[in-house]
Amino acid sequence: MENFYWKTPQWVKDLFKPKNKTKLTINAYKEGDKWYFNKPLYVTWKESLCFPEALDEMAKGKTKLKLKISSTPVEGWEKMGWFQSDPWWTEANIYIWKNHNIWLCPWAQWWFGEVAEYLWFTTEE
């Protein structure tokens, strides 16, 4: 199925834009050497996650994990810092965690309502 989110008119995205959302949960799963997830609200297709090495480290050998992300500090959660906008897709952003680049598409910015200087995350099995 084709990804219709990117073809959706901006006024429709704005209409359904979450308000004051600070947390997001992604259920990620590994197939082969790639990680995927189904977008919340739009669960009819799978999306590839563009930071497989970081997810491998987070998953500690497992092939499924629940990734919780917050735009506000949460005690005990890992912290990643904003590094730069993607040079080719400037609405996307690259964050740094440990020695990993974590690329987040514009959908994350849409969800949180801004490009956060820091994001915090934790994982569950």
C-alpha atoms as a PDB file:
ATOM      1  CA  MET A   1       0.000   0.000   0.000  1.00  0.00           C
ATOM      2  CA  GLU A   2       1.264   3.466  -0.893  1.00  0.00           C
ATOM      3  CA  ASN A   3       2.166   5.862   1.916  1.00  0.00           C
ATOM      4  CA  PHE A   4      -0.565   8.522   1.678  1.00  0.00           C
ATOM      5  CA  TYR A   5       0.690  10.670   4.578  1.00  0.00           C
ATOM      6  CA  TRP A   6       3.204  12.532   2.391  1.00  0.00           C
ATOM      7  CA  LYS A   7       0.539  13.233  -0.228  1.00  0.00           C
ATOM      8  CA  THR A   8      -2.021  14.472   2.309  1.00  0.00           C
ATOM      9  CA  PRO A   9      -2.746  18.214   1.953  1.00  0.00           C
ATOM     10  CA  GLN A  10      -1.246  20.365   4.705  1.00  0.00           C
ATOM     11  CA  TRP A  11      -4.654  21.618   5.899  1.00  0.00           C
ATOM     12  CA  VAL A  12      -5.731  18.015   6.553  1.00  0.00           C
ATOM     13  CA  LYS A  13      -2.503  17.300   8.490  1.00  0.00           C
ATOM     14  CA  ASP A  14      -3.085  20.472  10.509  1.00  0.00           C
ATOM     15  CA  LEU A  15      -6.672  19.451  11.232  1.00  0.00           C
ATOM     16  CA  PHE A  16      -5.556  16.124  12.731  1.00  0.00           C
ATOM     17  CA  LYS A  17      -2.356  17.438  14.307  1.00  0.00           C
ATOM     18  CA  PRO A  18      -2.031  16.296  17.931  1.00  0.00           C
ATOM     19  CA  LYS A  19      -2.145  19.123  20.454  1.00  0.00           C
ATOM     20  CA  ASN A  20       0.308  19.293  23.349  1.00  0.00           C
ATOM     21  CA  LYS A  21       1.667  15.794  22.756  1.00  0.00           C
ATOM     22  CA  THR A  22       4.914  15.138  24.620  1.00  0.00           C
ATOM     23  CA  LYS A  23       5.088  11.337  24.340  1.00  0.00           C
ATOM     24  CA  LEU A  24       5.001   8.847  21.517  1.00  0.00           C
ATOM     25  CA  THR A  25       5.181   5.041  21.592  1.00  0.00           C
ATOM     26  CA  ILE A  26       6.461   3.088  18.608  1.00  0.00           C
ATOM     27  CA  ASN A  27       6.259  -0.696  18.401  1.00  0.00           C
ATOM     28  CA  ALA A  28       9.298  -1.632  16.337  1.00  0.00           C
ATOM     29  CA  TYR A  29      10.114  -5.025  14.879  1.00  0.00           C
ATOM     30  CA  LYS A  30      13.071  -6.403  12.980  1.00  0.00           C
ATOM     31  CA  GLU A  31      12.827  -8.266   9.688  1.00  0.00           C
ATOM     32  CA  GLY A  32      16.173  -9.375   8.314  1.00  0.00           C
ATOM     33  CA  ASP A  33      18.618  -6.583   9.081  1.00  0.00           C
ATOM     34  CA  LYS A  34      16.017  -3.765   8.989  1.00  0.00           C
ATOM     35  CA  TRP A  35      13.708  -2.327  11.639  1.00  0.00           C
ATOM     36  CA  TYR A  36      10.104  -1.307  10.913  1.00  0.00           C
ATOM     37  CA  PHE A  37       7.101   0.179  12.670  1.00  0.00           C
ATOM     38  CA  ASN A  38       3.486   0.993  11.920  1.00  0.00           C
ATOM     39  CA  LYS A  39       2.729   4.682  12.355  1.00  0.00           C
ATOM     40  CA  PRO A  40       0.200   5.496  15.052  1.00  0.00           C
ATOM     41  CA  LEU A  41      -3.045   6.788  13.497  1.00  0.00           C
ATOM     42  CA  TYR A  42      -1.941   5.430  10.120  1.00  0.00           C
ATOM     43  CA  VAL A  43      -1.395   1.738  10.823  1.00  0.00           C
ATOM     44  CA  THR A  44      -2.067   0.338   7.378  1.00  0.00           C
ATOM     45  CA  TRP A  45       1.556   0.157   6.240  1.00  0.00           C
ATOM     46  CA  LYS A  46       4.977  -0.372   7.699  1.00  0.00           C
ATOM     47  CA  GLU A  47       7.738   2.209   7.690  1.00  0.00           C
ATOM     48  CA  SER A  48      11.430   1.506   7.747  1.00  0.00           C
ATOM     49  CA  LEU A  49      13.333   3.010  10.672  1.00  0.00           C
ATOM     50  CA  CYS A  50      16.532   4.698   9.561  1.00  0.00           C
ATOM     51  CA  PHE A  51      18.691   3.938  12.573  1.00  0.00           C
ATOM     52  CA  PRO A  52      19.031   0.122  12.648  1.00  0.00           C
ATOM     53  CA  GLU A  53      22.376   0.051  14.507  1.00  0.00           C
ATOM     54  CA  ALA A  54      20.954   2.143  17.354  1.00  0.00           C
ATOM     55  CA  LEU A  55      17.850  -0.064  17.540  1.00  0.00           C
ATOM     56  CA  ASP A  56      20.016  -3.188  17.573  1.00  0.00           C
ATOM     57  CA  GLU A  57      21.830  -1.776  20.612  1.00  0.00           C
ATOM     58  CA  MET A  58      18.573  -0.752  22.300  1.00  0.00           C
ATOM     59  CA  ALA A  59      16.954  -4.151  21.648  1.00  0.00           C
ATOM     60  CA  LYS A  60      19.872  -6.151  23.088  1.00  0.00           C
ATOM     61  CA  GLY A  61      19.385  -9.075  20.693  1.00  0.00           C
ATOM     62  CA  LYS A  62      15.587  -9.037  20.603  1.00  0.00           C
ATOM     63  CA  THR A  63      13.618  -8.566  17.380  1.00  0.00           C
ATOM     64  CA  LYS A  64      10.715  -6.584  18.860  1.00  0.00           C
ATOM     65  CA  LEU A  65      10.683  -3.614  21.128  1.00  0.00           C
ATOM     66  CA  LYS A  66       8.442  -0.840  22.337  1.00  0.00           C
ATOM     67  CA  LEU A  67      10.205   2.493  21.948  1.00  0.00           C
ATOM     68  CA  LYS A  68       8.803   5.331  24.067  1.00  0.00           C
ATOM     69  CA  ILE A  69       9.915   8.842  23.137  1.00  0.00           C
ATOM     70  CA  SER A  70       9.310  12.051  25.077  1.00  0.00           C
ATOM     71  CA  SER A  71       9.962  15.703  24.244  1.00  0.00           C
ATOM     72  CA  THR A  72      10.126  16.478  27.975  1.00  0.00           C
ATOM     73  CA  PRO A  73      12.646  15.020  30.457  1.00  0.00           C
ATOM     74  CA  VAL A  74      11.744  11.701  32.067  1.00  0.00           C
ATOM     75  CA  GLU A  75      13.904  10.446  34.920  1.00  0.00           C
ATOM     76  CA  GLY A  76      15.754   7.249  34.060  1.00  0.00           C
ATOM     77  CA  TRP A  77      15.245   7.586  30.299  1.00  0.00           C
ATOM     78  CA  GLU A  78      18.102   7.923  27.794  1.00  0.00           C
ATOM     79  CA  LYS A  79      18.659  11.333  26.207  1.00  0.00           C
ATOM     80  CA  MET A  80      19.441  12.127  22.582  1.00  0.00           C
ATOM     81  CA  GLY A  81      20.376  15.582  21.358  1.00  0.00           C
ATOM     82  CA  TRP A  82      19.461  17.371  18.169  1.00  0.00           C
ATOM     83  CA  PHE A  83      22.415  17.410  15.787  1.00  0.00           C
ATOM     84  CA  GLN A  84      21.207  18.937  12.516  1.00  0.00           C
ATOM     85  CA  SER A  85      18.476  19.048   9.927  1.00  0.00           C
ATOM     86  CA  ASP A  86      18.873  16.454   7.210  1.00  0.00           C
ATOM     87  CA  PRO A  87      20.876  18.157   4.428  1.00  0.00           C
ATOM     88  CA  TRP A  88      18.663  16.636   1.702  1.00  0.00           C
ATOM     89  CA  TRP A  89      15.270  16.647   3.419  1.00  0.00           C
ATOM     90  CA  THR A  90      15.453  19.704   5.644  1.00  0.00           C
ATOM     91  CA  GLU A  91      12.165  18.948   7.433  1.00  0.00           C
ATOM     92  CA  ALA A  92      13.745  15.742   8.796  1.00  0.00           C
ATOM     93  CA  ASN A  93      16.154  15.858  11.729  1.00  0.00           C
ATOM     94  CA  ILE A  94      19.175  13.954  12.927  1.00  0.00           C
ATOM     95  CA  TYR A  95      19.702  13.318  16.633  1.00  0.00           C
ATOM     96  CA  ILE A  96      22.766  11.863  18.358  1.00  0.00           C
ATOM     97  CA  TRP A  97      22.663   9.110  20.984  1.00  0.00           C
ATOM     98  CA  LYS A  98      25.940   7.595  22.108  1.00  0.00           C
ATOM     99  CA  ASN A  99      27.814   7.134  18.826  1.00  0.00           C
ATOM    100  CA  HIS A 100      24.653   6.744  16.709  1.00  0.00           C
ATOM    101  CA  ASN A 101      22.916   9.122  14.356  1.00  0.00           C
ATOM    102  CA  ILE A 102      19.152   8.765  14.731  1.00  0.00           C
ATOM    103  CA  TRP A 103      17.209  10.126  11.765  1.00  0.00           C
ATOM    104  CA  LEU A 104      13.633  11.207  12.445  1.00  0.00           C
ATOM    105  CA  CYS A 105      11.262  12.064   9.613  1.00  0.00           C
ATOM    106  CA  PRO A 106       9.093  15.206   9.637  1.00  0.00           C
ATOM    107  CA  TRP A 107       6.243  13.128  11.045  1.00  0.00           C
ATOM    108  CA  ALA A 108       7.946  13.208  14.493  1.00  0.00           C
ATOM    109  CA  GLN A 109       8.166  16.995  14.304  1.00  0.00           C
ATOM    110  CA  TRP A 110       4.461  17.080  13.342  1.00  0.00           C
ATOM    111  CA  TRP A 111       3.593  14.869  16.328  1.00  0.00           C
ATOM    112  CA  PHE A 112       5.534  16.920  18.897  1.00  0.00           C
ATOM    113  CA  GLY A 113       4.732  20.264  17.282  1.00  0.00           C
ATOM    114  CA  GLU A 114       8.356  21.358  17.079  1.00  0.00           C
ATOM    115  CA  VAL A 115      11.917  20.259  16.573  1.00  0.00           C
ATOM    116  CA  ALA A 116      12.976  19.422  20.109  1.00  0.00           C
ATOM    117  CA  GLU A 117      16.520  20.229  21.199  1.00  0.00           C
ATOM    118  CA  TYR A 118      16.506  16.964  23.161  1.00  0.00           C
ATOM    119  CA  LEU A 119      14.348  13.858  23.118  1.00  0.00           C
ATOM    120  CA  TRP A 120      14.269  11.225  25.859  1.00  0.00           C
ATOM    121  CA  PHE A 121      13.493   7.565  25.255  1.00  0.00           C
ATOM    122  CA  THR A 122      13.207   4.207  26.887  1.00  0.00           C
ATOM    123  CA  THR A 123      12.527   0.731  25.566  1.00  0.00           C
ATOM    124  CA  GLU A 124      10.405  -2.181  26.680  1.00  0.00           C
ATOM    125  CA  GLU A 125      10.226  -5.724  25.366  1.00  0.00           C
END
